[in-house]
């Protein structure tokens, strides 16, 4: 059985206001927030892209950073980390789709002679 590493590769981002590093988090499909951790840099690059900054953290340090955020689960080696997919907006439909469509001229109030 494989043992978990002593440290994880943890994705981070820089906060613009304080120029500090913060750990990146994600959400499960059910909506639960999770901490993200990888066992090696190559796995992080495959899931998040080669340009994703990261640091090494032990599990206890990562948990201490996640706990104030209300996060108690760490997702190790997720295969894909992506922003949520938003469904496309439905095509515009007339207010009453069951009513027959009238020609534009009739809607404009033209009169027959």
N, C-alpha and C. Protein backbone atom coordinates (compact mmCIF):
# COMPACT_ATOMS: atom_id res chain seq x y z
N UNK A 1 0.84 -1.18 0.00
CA UNK A 1 0.00 0.00 0.00
C UNK A 1 0.89 1.24 0.00
N UNK A 2 0.56 2.21 -0.85
CA UNK A 2 1.34 3.44 -0.92
C UNK A 2 1.05 4.32 0.29
N UNK A 3 2.10 4.95 0.78
CA UNK A 3 1.93 5.90 1.87
C UNK A 3 1.79 7.30 1.30
N UNK A 4 1.02 8.12 2.00
CA UNK A 4 0.88 9.51 1.58
C UNK A 4 2.18 10.24 1.85
N UNK A 5 2.52 11.24 1.05
CA UNK A 5 3.77 11.98 1.26
C UNK A 5 3.72 12.81 2.53
N UNK A 6 4.90 13.15 3.03
CA UNK A 6 4.98 14.03 4.20
C UNK A 6 4.53 15.43 3.87
N UNK A 7 4.74 15.83 2.62
CA UNK A 7 4.31 17.16 2.17
C UNK A 7 3.51 17.02 0.89
N UNK A 8 2.70 18.03 0.63
CA UNK A 8 1.90 18.09 -0.58
C UNK A 8 2.35 19.28 -1.42
N UNK A 9 2.08 19.19 -2.71
CA UNK A 9 2.22 20.31 -3.62
C UNK A 9 0.86 20.99 -3.63
N UNK A 10 0.81 22.24 -3.18
CA UNK A 10 -0.47 22.93 -2.98
C UNK A 10 -0.54 24.15 -3.90
N UNK A 11 -1.59 24.23 -4.74
CA UNK A 11 -1.72 25.40 -5.61
C UNK A 11 -2.02 26.65 -4.79
N UNK A 12 -1.43 27.76 -5.21
CA UNK A 12 -1.61 29.04 -4.52
C UNK A 12 -1.90 30.14 -5.52
N UNK A 13 -2.36 31.24 -4.99
CA UNK A 13 -2.52 32.46 -5.80
C UNK A 13 -2.06 33.63 -4.96
N UNK A 14 -1.72 34.72 -5.62
CA UNK A 14 -1.29 35.93 -4.93
C UNK A 14 -2.47 36.85 -4.77
N UNK A 15 -2.67 37.35 -3.56
CA UNK A 15 -3.74 38.32 -3.35
C UNK A 15 -3.24 39.68 -3.80
N UNK A 16 -4.05 40.43 -4.53
CA UNK A 16 -3.58 41.71 -5.07
C UNK A 16 -3.36 42.78 -4.01
N UNK A 17 -4.11 42.77 -2.94
CA UNK A 17 -4.03 43.84 -1.94
C UNK A 17 -2.78 43.73 -1.09
N UNK A 18 -2.52 42.56 -0.55
CA UNK A 18 -1.40 42.41 0.38
C UNK A 18 -0.19 41.72 -0.23
N UNK A 19 -0.27 41.31 -1.46
CA UNK A 19 0.80 40.56 -2.11
C UNK A 19 1.19 39.34 -1.27
N UNK A 20 0.19 38.65 -0.76
CA UNK A 20 0.41 37.45 0.05
C UNK A 20 -0.06 36.23 -0.74
N UNK A 21 0.44 35.06 -0.39
CA UNK A 21 0.00 33.83 -1.02
C UNK A 21 -1.17 33.24 -0.25
N UNK A 22 -2.16 32.75 -0.97
CA UNK A 22 -3.26 32.02 -0.35
C UNK A 22 -3.42 30.70 -1.09
N UNK A 23 -3.88 29.69 -0.36
CA UNK A 23 -4.08 28.39 -0.99
C UNK A 23 -5.33 28.44 -1.85
N UNK A 24 -5.28 27.74 -2.97
CA UNK A 24 -6.46 27.65 -3.85
C UNK A 24 -7.37 26.56 -3.32
N UNK A 25 -8.65 26.77 -3.44
CA UNK A 25 -9.63 25.78 -3.03
C UNK A 25 -10.51 25.44 -4.22
N UNK A 26 -11.30 24.40 -4.06
CA UNK A 26 -12.21 24.00 -5.12
C UNK A 26 -13.53 23.57 -4.53
N UNK A 27 -14.41 23.08 -5.40
CA UNK A 27 -15.71 22.58 -4.98
C UNK A 27 -15.96 21.24 -5.62
N UNK A 28 -16.56 20.36 -4.86
CA UNK A 28 -17.01 19.09 -5.41
C UNK A 28 -18.28 19.34 -6.23
N UNK A 29 -18.66 18.42 -7.11
CA UNK A 29 -19.89 18.62 -7.88
C UNK A 29 -21.11 18.89 -7.00
N UNK A 30 -21.11 18.38 -5.78
CA UNK A 30 -22.23 18.60 -4.86
C UNK A 30 -22.18 19.97 -4.20
N UNK A 31 -21.10 20.72 -4.41
CA UNK A 31 -20.98 22.07 -3.88
C UNK A 31 -20.08 22.22 -2.67
N UNK A 32 -19.66 21.13 -2.05
CA UNK A 32 -18.81 21.20 -0.86
C UNK A 32 -17.43 21.77 -1.22
N UNK A 33 -16.95 22.74 -0.43
CA UNK A 33 -15.62 23.30 -0.64
C UNK A 33 -14.56 22.34 -0.13
N UNK A 34 -13.46 22.26 -0.86
CA UNK A 34 -12.36 21.37 -0.49
C UNK A 34 -11.03 22.08 -0.70
N UNK A 35 -10.03 21.66 0.08
CA UNK A 35 -8.67 22.09 -0.15
C UNK A 35 -8.10 21.23 -1.27
N UNK A 36 -7.16 21.77 -2.02
CA UNK A 36 -6.55 21.05 -3.13
C UNK A 36 -5.10 20.73 -2.79
N UNK A 37 -4.69 19.49 -3.05
CA UNK A 37 -3.32 19.08 -2.79
C UNK A 37 -2.92 18.01 -3.80
N UNK A 38 -1.65 18.01 -4.14
CA UNK A 38 -1.14 17.05 -5.12
C UNK A 38 0.09 16.37 -4.55
N UNK A 39 0.32 15.14 -4.98
CA UNK A 39 1.46 14.38 -4.47
C UNK A 39 2.74 14.71 -5.22
N UNK A 40 2.64 15.32 -6.40
CA UNK A 40 3.84 15.71 -7.15
C UNK A 40 3.50 16.85 -8.10
N UNK A 41 4.48 17.69 -8.44
CA UNK A 41 4.23 18.85 -9.30
C UNK A 41 3.64 18.48 -10.66
N UNK A 42 4.02 17.34 -11.22
CA UNK A 42 3.51 16.94 -12.53
C UNK A 42 2.00 16.71 -12.49
N UNK A 43 1.51 16.17 -11.40
CA UNK A 43 0.06 15.94 -11.28
C UNK A 43 -0.69 17.27 -11.19
N UNK A 44 -0.12 18.22 -10.46
CA UNK A 44 -0.73 19.55 -10.39
C UNK A 44 -0.76 20.18 -11.78
N UNK A 45 0.34 20.09 -12.52
CA UNK A 45 0.41 20.69 -13.86
C UNK A 45 -0.61 20.07 -14.80
N UNK A 46 -0.82 18.76 -14.71
CA UNK A 46 -1.82 18.11 -15.57
C UNK A 46 -3.24 18.56 -15.24
N UNK A 47 -3.51 18.81 -13.97
CA UNK A 47 -4.86 19.18 -13.56
C UNK A 47 -5.15 20.68 -13.68
N UNK A 48 -4.11 21.52 -13.46
CA UNK A 48 -4.34 22.96 -13.38
C UNK A 48 -3.53 23.79 -14.37
N UNK A 49 -2.64 23.15 -15.09
CA UNK A 49 -1.81 23.89 -16.03
C UNK A 49 -0.42 24.11 -15.49
N UNK A 50 0.53 24.15 -16.41
CA UNK A 50 1.94 24.27 -16.02
C UNK A 50 2.27 25.62 -15.39
N UNK A 51 1.46 26.63 -15.63
CA UNK A 51 1.76 27.97 -15.10
C UNK A 51 1.14 28.21 -13.72
N UNK A 52 0.50 27.20 -13.13
CA UNK A 52 -0.10 27.36 -11.80
C UNK A 52 0.99 27.40 -10.73
N UNK A 53 1.10 28.50 -9.97
CA UNK A 53 2.09 28.55 -8.89
C UNK A 53 1.71 27.59 -7.76
N UNK A 54 2.72 27.10 -7.06
CA UNK A 54 2.47 26.17 -5.97
C UNK A 54 3.56 26.27 -4.92
N UNK A 55 3.25 25.74 -3.74
CA UNK A 55 4.22 25.63 -2.65
C UNK A 55 4.09 24.24 -2.04
N UNK A 56 5.09 23.84 -1.28
CA UNK A 56 5.01 22.57 -0.54
C UNK A 56 4.54 22.87 0.88
N UNK A 57 3.56 22.09 1.33
CA UNK A 57 3.04 22.22 2.68
C UNK A 57 2.81 20.84 3.26
N UNK A 58 3.05 20.70 4.57
CA UNK A 58 2.67 19.45 5.23
C UNK A 58 1.15 19.50 5.46
N UNK A 59 0.57 18.34 5.70
CA UNK A 59 -0.88 18.27 5.86
C UNK A 59 -1.38 19.14 7.01
N UNK A 60 -0.67 19.14 8.11
CA UNK A 60 -1.14 19.93 9.26
C UNK A 60 -1.14 21.43 8.95
N UNK A 61 -0.14 21.91 8.22
CA UNK A 61 -0.10 23.32 7.85
C UNK A 61 -1.25 23.66 6.89
N UNK A 62 -1.51 22.77 5.93
CA UNK A 62 -2.61 23.00 5.00
C UNK A 62 -3.94 23.01 5.75
N UNK A 63 -4.13 22.05 6.64
CA UNK A 63 -5.38 22.01 7.42
C UNK A 63 -5.54 23.27 8.27
N UNK A 64 -4.45 23.78 8.83
CA UNK A 64 -4.56 24.98 9.66
C UNK A 64 -4.94 26.20 8.81
N UNK A 65 -4.61 26.19 7.54
CA UNK A 65 -5.01 27.29 6.65
C UNK A 65 -6.45 27.13 6.18
N UNK A 66 -6.93 25.90 6.08
CA UNK A 66 -8.28 25.65 5.58
C UNK A 66 -9.35 25.75 6.67
N UNK A 67 -9.00 25.40 7.89
CA UNK A 67 -9.98 25.37 8.98
C UNK A 67 -10.70 26.71 9.18
N UNK A 68 -10.02 27.86 9.19
CA UNK A 68 -10.75 29.13 9.35
C UNK A 68 -11.73 29.40 8.21
N UNK A 69 -11.52 28.75 7.08
CA UNK A 69 -12.43 28.93 5.94
C UNK A 69 -13.62 27.97 6.01
N UNK A 70 -13.64 27.13 7.04
CA UNK A 70 -14.72 26.17 7.17
C UNK A 70 -14.54 24.94 6.29
N UNK A 71 -13.33 24.70 5.85
CA UNK A 71 -13.04 23.56 4.96
C UNK A 71 -12.35 22.48 5.77
N UNK A 72 -12.93 21.28 5.77
CA UNK A 72 -12.33 20.19 6.53
C UNK A 72 -11.92 19.01 5.66
N UNK A 73 -12.08 19.13 4.36
CA UNK A 73 -11.71 18.04 3.45
C UNK A 73 -10.62 18.50 2.50
N UNK A 74 -9.64 17.62 2.27
CA UNK A 74 -8.58 17.89 1.30
C UNK A 74 -8.74 16.88 0.17
N UNK A 75 -8.86 17.37 -1.04
CA UNK A 75 -8.95 16.53 -2.22
C UNK A 75 -7.53 16.35 -2.76
N UNK A 76 -7.02 15.12 -2.68
CA UNK A 76 -5.65 14.83 -3.11
C UNK A 76 -5.66 14.31 -4.53
N UNK A 77 -4.79 14.89 -5.37
CA UNK A 77 -4.63 14.52 -6.77
C UNK A 77 -5.92 14.50 -7.57
N UNK A 78 -6.69 15.61 -7.54
CA UNK A 78 -7.85 15.66 -8.42
C UNK A 78 -7.37 15.63 -9.87
N UNK A 79 -8.15 15.01 -10.74
CA UNK A 79 -7.74 14.89 -12.14
C UNK A 79 -7.96 16.16 -12.93
N UNK A 80 -8.94 16.96 -12.53
CA UNK A 80 -9.24 18.19 -13.25
C UNK A 80 -9.69 19.23 -12.25
N UNK A 81 -9.12 20.40 -12.36
CA UNK A 81 -9.56 21.53 -11.55
C UNK A 81 -9.94 22.61 -12.54
N UNK A 82 -11.23 22.95 -12.56
CA UNK A 82 -11.72 23.90 -13.54
C UNK A 82 -12.76 24.80 -12.90
N UNK A 83 -12.97 25.97 -13.49
CA UNK A 83 -14.05 26.82 -12.98
C UNK A 83 -15.39 26.14 -13.24
N UNK A 84 -16.42 26.49 -12.48
CA UNK A 84 -17.72 25.87 -12.69
C UNK A 84 -18.24 26.15 -14.09
N UNK A 85 -18.89 25.17 -14.65
CA UNK A 85 -19.48 25.33 -15.98
C UNK A 85 -20.89 25.86 -15.80
N UNK A 86 -21.16 26.94 -16.46
CA UNK A 86 -22.49 27.54 -16.38
C UNK A 86 -23.31 27.08 -17.58
N UNK A 87 -24.54 26.67 -17.36
CA UNK A 87 -25.37 26.26 -18.50
C UNK A 87 -25.64 27.45 -19.41
N UNK A 88 -25.77 27.16 -20.68
CA UNK A 88 -26.07 28.22 -21.64
C UNK A 88 -27.47 28.75 -21.39
N UNK A 89 -27.65 30.02 -21.63
CA UNK A 89 -28.98 30.62 -21.48
C UNK A 89 -29.89 30.06 -22.56
N UNK A 90 -31.14 29.76 -22.24
CA UNK A 90 -32.05 29.26 -23.26
C UNK A 90 -32.31 30.33 -24.32
N UNK A 91 -32.60 29.88 -25.50
CA UNK A 91 -32.89 30.81 -26.59
C UNK A 91 -34.14 31.61 -26.24
N UNK A 92 -34.18 32.84 -26.66
CA UNK A 92 -35.35 33.69 -26.38
C UNK A 92 -36.58 33.10 -27.06
N UNK A 93 -37.66 33.06 -26.32
CA UNK A 93 -38.92 32.54 -26.87
C UNK A 93 -39.99 33.59 -26.67
N UNK A 94 -41.02 33.58 -27.52
CA UNK A 94 -42.12 34.53 -27.33
C UNK A 94 -42.79 34.28 -25.98
N UNK A 95 -43.44 35.31 -25.45
CA UNK A 95 -44.09 35.19 -24.15
C UNK A 95 -45.13 34.08 -24.17
N UNK A 96 -45.87 33.95 -25.26
CA UNK A 96 -46.87 32.90 -25.38
C UNK A 96 -46.53 32.06 -26.59
N UNK A 97 -45.76 31.00 -26.38
CA UNK A 97 -45.30 30.18 -27.49
C UNK A 97 -46.43 29.43 -28.16
N UNK A 98 -47.58 29.27 -27.48
CA UNK A 98 -48.68 28.52 -28.08
C UNK A 98 -49.49 29.38 -29.05
N UNK A 99 -49.40 30.70 -28.96
CA UNK A 99 -50.15 31.57 -29.86
C UNK A 99 -49.50 31.59 -31.23
N UNK A 100 -50.29 31.58 -32.29
CA UNK A 100 -49.71 31.64 -33.63
C UNK A 100 -49.01 32.98 -33.85
N UNK A 101 -47.91 32.92 -34.55
CA UNK A 101 -47.17 34.14 -34.85
C UNK A 101 -47.87 34.93 -35.94
N UNK A 102 -47.95 36.23 -35.76
CA UNK A 102 -48.58 37.09 -36.75
C UNK A 102 -47.50 37.71 -37.62
N UNK A 103 -47.83 38.00 -38.86
CA UNK A 103 -46.87 38.69 -39.71
C UNK A 103 -46.52 40.05 -39.12
N UNK A 104 -45.34 40.52 -39.41
CA UNK A 104 -44.88 41.81 -38.89
C UNK A 104 -45.83 42.93 -39.27
N UNK A 105 -46.33 42.91 -40.51
CA UNK A 105 -47.22 43.98 -40.97
C UNK A 105 -48.48 44.05 -40.11
N UNK A 106 -49.05 42.92 -39.72
CA UNK A 106 -50.25 42.91 -38.90
C UNK A 106 -49.94 43.43 -37.51
N UNK A 107 -48.76 43.14 -37.00
CA UNK A 107 -48.39 43.61 -35.67
C UNK A 107 -48.15 45.11 -35.68
N UNK A 108 -47.78 45.66 -36.84
CA UNK A 108 -47.51 47.09 -36.92
C UNK A 108 -48.79 47.91 -37.03
N UNK A 109 -49.93 47.27 -37.16
CA UNK A 109 -51.19 47.99 -37.21
C UNK A 109 -51.57 48.44 -38.61
N UNK A 110 -51.14 47.77 -39.63
CA UNK A 110 -51.54 48.14 -40.98
C UNK A 110 -52.98 47.73 -41.20
N UNK A 111 -53.68 48.41 -42.09
CA UNK A 111 -55.09 48.11 -42.38
C UNK A 111 -55.21 47.58 -43.79
N UNK A 112 -56.18 46.71 -43.93
CA UNK A 112 -56.48 46.24 -45.28
C UNK A 112 -57.45 47.21 -45.92
N UNK A 113 -57.36 47.43 -47.18
CA UNK A 113 -58.24 48.36 -47.88
C UNK A 113 -59.54 47.73 -48.24
